[in-house]
Amino acid sequence: MTTTSPPSADDKHHFRFHLPHVHLHSAFGGDWFGLKAEAFARFFGTPVFLIVQTVIVAFWIALNAIGWTKFDVYPFILLNLAFSTQAAYAAPLILLAQTRQADRDKCHAEADAEHREDLARASEERQKLAAEQTQTLVELLRQNTQLTEVVKELTQRIEQLTAEMHAKLVNQAG
């Protein structure tokens, strides 16, 4: 059986939506008795428990039916009392464990939903930022194109003036 422990300090950022529900990690509290009671309640439905109980009951009945001992003869009143006592303790423990597990599941589902909403908000913010950056880039490209056209016009004008100056200098020299 594995038990989950509350998140450590290193995991606080990762589990920030689960932190308000840390008190629900153990159905019976965090003390020794609470942990053992929850482990016991969880053990009731396992195959190991059912097999061990079946072997004990079969051994009990065999001992008393064959006559090796007479501490609980047919109709096995003591065995019936043992089952009643077991049921009296098991039922509330199992119900409490199920109720608290349902509470934990609900809280974890809410925390997961908050986490998904936070991820969606962050994604929307990134998309908005990307759209703004794209718009800025388009504007910069437009300005760059205008500057390139101005440079081209100025270059053509300089070439024209240079050609005119060259022609005047050649005519004056000649």
C-alpha atoms as a PDB file:
ATOM      1  CA  MET A   1       0.000   0.000   0.000  1.00  0.00           C
ATOM      2  CA  THR A   2       1.331   3.428  -0.890  1.00  0.00           C
ATOM      3  CA  THR A   3       0.301   6.563   0.907  1.00  0.00           C
ATOM      4  CA  THR A   4       0.541  10.020  -0.527  1.00  0.00           C
ATOM      5  CA  SER A   5       2.219  12.638   1.572  1.00  0.00           C
ATOM      6  CA  PRO A   6       1.455  16.341   1.455  1.00  0.00           C
ATOM      7  CA  PRO A   7       3.482  18.354  -1.052  1.00  0.00           C
ATOM      8  CA  SER A   8       6.914  19.478   0.112  1.00  0.00           C
ATOM      9  CA  ALA A   9       8.137  23.061   0.094  1.00  0.00           C
ATOM     10  CA  ASP A  10       9.865  22.440  -3.252  1.00  0.00           C
ATOM     11  CA  ASP A  11       6.557  21.455  -4.833  1.00  0.00           C
ATOM     12  CA  LYS A  12       4.605  24.505  -3.589  1.00  0.00           C
ATOM     13  CA  HIS A  13       4.642  26.249  -6.964  1.00  0.00           C
ATOM     14  CA  HIS A  14       3.678  23.088  -8.808  1.00  0.00           C
ATOM     15  CA  PHE A  15       0.912  22.199  -6.338  1.00  0.00           C
ATOM     16  CA  ARG A  16      -0.219  25.755  -5.569  1.00  0.00           C
ATOM     17  CA  PHE A  17      -3.835  24.919  -6.396  1.00  0.00           C
ATOM     18  CA  HIS A  18      -3.746  21.786  -4.202  1.00  0.00           C
ATOM     19  CA  LEU A  19      -2.259  23.490  -1.122  1.00  0.00           C
ATOM     20  CA  PRO A  20      -5.620  24.684   0.287  1.00  0.00           C
ATOM     21  CA  HIS A  21      -6.695  21.017   0.430  1.00  0.00           C
ATOM     22  CA  VAL A  22      -3.614  19.512   2.116  1.00  0.00           C
ATOM     23  CA  HIS A  23      -5.612  18.924   5.301  1.00  0.00           C
ATOM     24  CA  LEU A  24      -7.605  16.260   3.426  1.00  0.00           C
ATOM     25  CA  HIS A  25      -4.623  14.025   2.650  1.00  0.00           C
ATOM     26  CA  SER A  26      -5.425  11.645   5.485  1.00  0.00           C
ATOM     27  CA  ALA A  27      -9.045  10.722   6.085  1.00  0.00           C
ATOM     28  CA  PHE A  28      -8.557  10.319   9.851  1.00  0.00           C
ATOM     29  CA  GLY A  29      -5.939  12.971  10.518  1.00  0.00           C
ATOM     30  CA  GLY A  30      -2.172  12.986  10.300  1.00  0.00           C
ATOM     31  CA  ASP A  31      -1.417  11.273  13.608  1.00  0.00           C
ATOM     32  CA  TRP A  32      -0.364   7.638  14.019  1.00  0.00           C
ATOM     33  CA  PHE A  33      -3.883   6.406  14.829  1.00  0.00           C
ATOM     34  CA  GLY A  34      -5.417   8.239  11.887  1.00  0.00           C
ATOM     35  CA  LEU A  35      -2.918   6.821   9.429  1.00  0.00           C
ATOM     36  CA  LYS A  36      -3.330   3.276  10.775  1.00  0.00           C
ATOM     37  CA  ALA A  37      -7.148   3.554  10.760  1.00  0.00           C
ATOM     38  CA  GLU A  38      -7.169   4.642   7.119  1.00  0.00           C
ATOM     39  CA  ALA A  39      -4.720   1.888   6.168  1.00  0.00           C
ATOM     40  CA  PHE A  40      -6.913  -0.643   7.989  1.00  0.00           C
ATOM     41  CA  ALA A  41     -10.065   0.624   6.238  1.00  0.00           C
ATOM     42  CA  ARG A  42      -8.350   0.388   2.851  1.00  0.00           C
ATOM     43  CA  PHE A  43      -7.090  -3.136   3.655  1.00  0.00           C
ATOM     44  CA  PHE A  44     -10.640  -4.529   4.099  1.00  0.00           C
ATOM     45  CA  GLY A  45     -11.349  -4.759   0.365  1.00  0.00           C
ATOM     46  CA  THR A  46      -8.062  -6.270  -0.742  1.00  0.00           C
ATOM     47  CA  PRO A  47      -7.675  -9.821  -2.049  1.00  0.00           C
ATOM     48  CA  VAL A  48      -5.128 -10.535   0.705  1.00  0.00           C
ATOM     49  CA  PHE A  49      -7.683  -9.716   3.401  1.00  0.00           C
ATOM     50  CA  LEU A  50     -10.395 -11.821   1.761  1.00  0.00           C
ATOM     51  CA  ILE A  51      -8.092 -14.822   1.303  1.00  0.00           C
ATOM     52  CA  VAL A  52      -6.708 -14.641   4.855  1.00  0.00           C
ATOM     53  CA  GLN A  53     -10.208 -14.271   6.312  1.00  0.00           C
ATOM     54  CA  THR A  54     -11.470 -17.229   4.255  1.00  0.00           C
ATOM     55  CA  VAL A  55      -8.571 -19.415   5.432  1.00  0.00           C
ATOM     56  CA  ILE A  56      -9.142 -18.442   9.084  1.00  0.00           C
ATOM     57  CA  VAL A  57     -12.894 -19.114   8.863  1.00  0.00           C
ATOM     58  CA  ALA A  58     -12.345 -22.462   7.118  1.00  0.00           C
ATOM     59  CA  PHE A  59      -9.760 -23.444   9.765  1.00  0.00           C
ATOM     60  CA  TRP A  60     -12.115 -22.303  12.564  1.00  0.00           C
ATOM     61  CA  ILE A  61     -15.026 -24.322  11.196  1.00  0.00           C
ATOM     62  CA  ALA A  62     -12.826 -27.356  10.499  1.00  0.00           C
ATOM     63  CA  LEU A  63     -11.394 -27.359  14.051  1.00  0.00           C
ATOM     64  CA  ASN A  64     -14.857 -27.178  15.596  1.00  0.00           C
ATOM     65  CA  ALA A  65     -16.758 -29.402  13.131  1.00  0.00           C
ATOM     66  CA  ILE A  66     -14.237 -32.257  13.210  1.00  0.00           C
ATOM     67  CA  GLY A  67     -14.085 -32.060  16.971  1.00  0.00           C
ATOM     68  CA  TRP A  68     -10.395 -31.269  17.544  1.00  0.00           C
ATOM     69  CA  THR A  69     -11.604 -28.534  19.835  1.00  0.00           C
ATOM     70  CA  LYS A  70     -14.983 -27.470  21.157  1.00  0.00           C
ATOM     71  CA  PHE A  71     -14.572 -23.732  21.799  1.00  0.00           C
ATOM     72  CA  ASP A  72     -17.265 -22.813  19.200  1.00  0.00           C
ATOM     73  CA  VAL A  73     -19.522 -25.710  18.261  1.00  0.00           C
ATOM     74  CA  TYR A  74     -22.161 -25.611  15.560  1.00  0.00           C
ATOM     75  CA  PRO A  75     -23.948 -23.094  14.854  1.00  0.00           C
ATOM     76  CA  PHE A  76     -20.667 -21.221  15.482  1.00  0.00           C
ATOM     77  CA  ILE A  77     -22.033 -18.431  17.678  1.00  0.00           C
ATOM     78  CA  LEU A  78     -18.554 -17.121  18.538  1.00  0.00           C
ATOM     79  CA  LEU A  79     -17.637 -16.935  14.840  1.00  0.00           C
ATOM     80  CA  ASN A  80     -20.894 -15.067  14.177  1.00  0.00           C
ATOM     81  CA  LEU A  81     -20.054 -12.679  17.031  1.00  0.00           C
ATOM     82  CA  ALA A  82     -16.575 -12.131  15.565  1.00  0.00           C
ATOM     83  CA  PHE A  83     -18.089 -11.281  12.151  1.00  0.00           C
ATOM     84  CA  SER A  84     -20.604  -8.909  13.778  1.00  0.00           C
ATOM     85  CA  THR A  85     -17.822  -7.144  15.683  1.00  0.00           C
ATOM     86  CA  GLN A  86     -15.715  -6.924  12.548  1.00  0.00           C
ATOM     87  CA  ALA A  87     -18.679  -5.464  10.626  1.00  0.00           C
ATOM     88  CA  ALA A  88     -19.399  -2.993  13.426  1.00  0.00           C
ATOM     89  CA  TYR A  89     -15.882  -1.589  13.159  1.00  0.00           C
ATOM     90  CA  ALA A  90     -15.357  -2.031   9.431  1.00  0.00           C
ATOM     91  CA  ALA A  91     -18.514  -0.334   8.162  1.00  0.00           C
ATOM     92  CA  PRO A  92     -17.916   3.084   9.763  1.00  0.00           C
ATOM     93  CA  LEU A  93     -14.214   3.014   8.901  1.00  0.00           C
ATOM     94  CA  ILE A  94     -14.913   2.154   5.272  1.00  0.00           C
ATOM     95  CA  LEU A  95     -17.709   4.715   4.967  1.00  0.00           C
ATOM     96  CA  LEU A  96     -15.552   7.399   6.532  1.00  0.00           C
ATOM     97  CA  ALA A  97     -12.638   6.539   4.258  1.00  0.00           C
ATOM     98  CA  GLN A  98     -14.932   6.633   1.211  1.00  0.00           C
ATOM     99  CA  THR A  99     -16.462   9.951   2.244  1.00  0.00           C
ATOM    100  CA  ARG A 100     -13.098  11.563   2.852  1.00  0.00           C
ATOM    101  CA  GLN A 101     -11.711  10.093  -0.384  1.00  0.00           C
ATOM    102  CA  ALA A 102     -14.674  11.598  -2.232  1.00  0.00           C
ATOM    103  CA  ASP A 103     -13.904  14.942  -0.551  1.00  0.00           C
ATOM    104  CA  ARG A 104     -10.251  14.663  -1.579  1.00  0.00           C
ATOM    105  CA  ASP A 105     -11.215  13.734  -5.142  1.00  0.00           C
ATOM    106  CA  LYS A 106     -13.590  16.699  -5.330  1.00  0.00           C
ATOM    107  CA  CYS A 107     -10.959  19.102  -3.997  1.00  0.00           C
ATOM    108  CA  HIS A 108      -8.313  17.738  -6.362  1.00  0.00           C
ATOM    109  CA  ALA A 109     -10.745  18.066  -9.270  1.00  0.00           C
ATOM    110  CA  GLU A 110     -11.405  21.694  -8.294  1.00  0.00           C
ATOM    111  CA  ALA A 111      -7.672  22.348  -7.968  1.00  0.00           C
ATOM    112  CA  ASP A 112      -7.063  20.746 -11.369  1.00  0.00           C
ATOM    113  CA  ALA A 113      -9.830  22.911 -12.868  1.00  0.00           C
ATOM    114  CA  GLU A 114      -8.211  26.031 -11.373  1.00  0.00           C
ATOM    115  CA  HIS A 115      -4.868  24.900 -12.805  1.00  0.00           C
ATOM    116  CA  ARG A 116      -6.417  24.408 -16.259  1.00  0.00           C
ATOM    117  CA  GLU A 117      -8.039  27.863 -16.042  1.00  0.00           C
ATOM    118  CA  ASP A 118      -4.697  29.379 -15.065  1.00  0.00           C
ATOM    119  CA  LEU A 119      -3.044  27.652 -18.022  1.00  0.00           C
ATOM    120  CA  ALA A 120      -5.796  28.947 -20.328  1.00  0.00           C
ATOM    121  CA  ARG A 121      -5.318  32.519 -19.028  1.00  0.00           C
ATOM    122  CA  ALA A 122      -1.565  32.265 -19.518  1.00  0.00           C
ATOM    123  CA  SER A 123      -2.107  30.917 -23.044  1.00  0.00           C
ATOM    124  CA  GLU A 124      -4.476  33.786 -23.861  1.00  0.00           C
ATOM    125  CA  GLU A 125      -1.931  36.290 -22.540  1.00  0.00           C
ATOM    126  CA  ARG A 126       0.806  34.715 -24.670  1.00  0.00           C
ATOM    127  CA  GLN A 127      -1.452  34.807 -27.730  1.00  0.00           C
ATOM    128  CA  LYS A 128      -2.315  38.452 -27.076  1.00  0.00           C
ATOM    129  CA  LEU A 129       1.369  39.309 -26.649  1.00  0.00           C
ATOM    130  CA  ALA A 130       2.234  37.429 -29.847  1.00  0.00           C
ATOM    131  CA  ALA A 131      -0.495  39.350 -31.726  1.00  0.00           C
ATOM    132  CA  GLU A 132       0.840  42.664 -30.380  1.00  0.00           C
ATOM    133  CA  GLN A 133       4.408  41.710 -31.327  1.00  0.00           C
ATOM    134  CA  THR A 134       3.237  40.668 -34.788  1.00  0.00           C
ATOM    135  CA  GLN A 135       1.462  43.989 -35.223  1.00  0.00           C
ATOM    136  CA  THR A 136       4.586  45.845 -34.094  1.00  0.00           C
ATOM    137  CA  LEU A 137       6.713  43.798 -36.478  1.00  0.00           C
ATOM    138  CA  VAL A 138       4.368  44.560 -39.396  1.00  0.00           C
ATOM    139  CA  GLU A 139       4.574  48.279 -38.572  1.00  0.00           C
ATOM    140  CA  LEU A 140       8.380  48.096 -38.408  1.00  0.00           C
ATOM    141  CA  LEU A 141       8.462  46.299 -41.746  1.00  0.00           C
ATOM    142  CA  ARG A 142       6.218  48.998 -43.276  1.00  0.00           C
ATOM    143  CA  GLN A 143       8.513  51.728 -41.927  1.00  0.00           C
ATOM    144  CA  ASN A 144      11.553  49.806 -43.203  1.00  0.00           C
ATOM    145  CA  THR A 145       9.970  49.607 -46.648  1.00  0.00           C
ATOM    146  CA  GLN A 146       9.283  53.360 -46.625  1.00  0.00           C
ATOM    147  CA  LEU A 147      12.861  54.088 -45.558  1.00  0.00           C
ATOM    148  CA  THR A 148      14.175  51.788 -48.282  1.00  0.00           C
ATOM    149  CA  GLU A 149      12.084  53.668 -50.865  1.00  0.00           C
ATOM    150  CA  VAL A 150      13.371  57.042 -49.551  1.00  0.00           C
ATOM    151  CA  VAL A 151      16.964  55.757 -49.687  1.00  0.00           C
ATOM    152  CA  LYS A 152      16.349  54.541 -53.244  1.00  0.00           C
ATOM    153  CA  GLU A 153      14.933  57.934 -54.291  1.00  0.00           C
ATOM    154  CA  LEU A 154      17.833  59.762 -52.635  1.00  0.00           C
ATOM    155  CA  THR A 155      20.338  57.427 -54.265  1.00  0.00           C
ATOM    156  CA  GLN A 156      18.756  58.046 -57.662  1.00  0.00           C
ATOM    157  CA  ARG A 157      18.763  61.799 -57.023  1.00  0.00           C
ATOM    158  CA  ILE A 158      22.450  61.690 -55.998  1.00  0.00           C
ATOM    159  CA  GLU A 159      23.280  59.713 -59.145  1.00  0.00           C
ATOM    160  CA  GLN A 160      21.366  62.248 -61.231  1.00  0.00           C
ATOM    161  CA  LEU A 161      23.117  65.202 -59.568  1.00  0.00           C
ATOM    162  CA  THR A 162      26.474  63.462 -59.899  1.00  0.00           C
ATOM    163  CA  ALA A 163      25.822  62.912 -63.603  1.00  0.00           C
ATOM    164  CA  GLU A 164      24.811  66.556 -64.065  1.00  0.00           C
ATOM    165  CA  MET A 165      27.897  67.793 -62.181  1.00  0.00           C
ATOM    166  CA  HIS A 166      30.099  65.487 -64.215  1.00  0.00           C
ATOM    167  CA  ALA A 167      28.569  66.782 -67.422  1.00  0.00           C
ATOM    168  CA  LYS A 168      29.087  70.446 -66.393  1.00  0.00           C
ATOM    169  CA  LEU A 169      32.674  69.793 -65.357  1.00  0.00           C
ATOM    170  CA  VAL A 170      33.413  68.007 -68.616  1.00  0.00           C
ATOM    171  CA  ASN A 171      31.807  70.846 -70.626  1.00  0.00           C
ATOM    172  CA  GLN A 172      33.751  73.499 -68.699  1.00  0.00           C
ATOM    173  CA  ALA A 173      37.013  71.635 -69.157  1.00  0.00           C
ATOM    174  CA  GLY A 174      36.440  71.081 -72.836  1.00  0.00           C
END
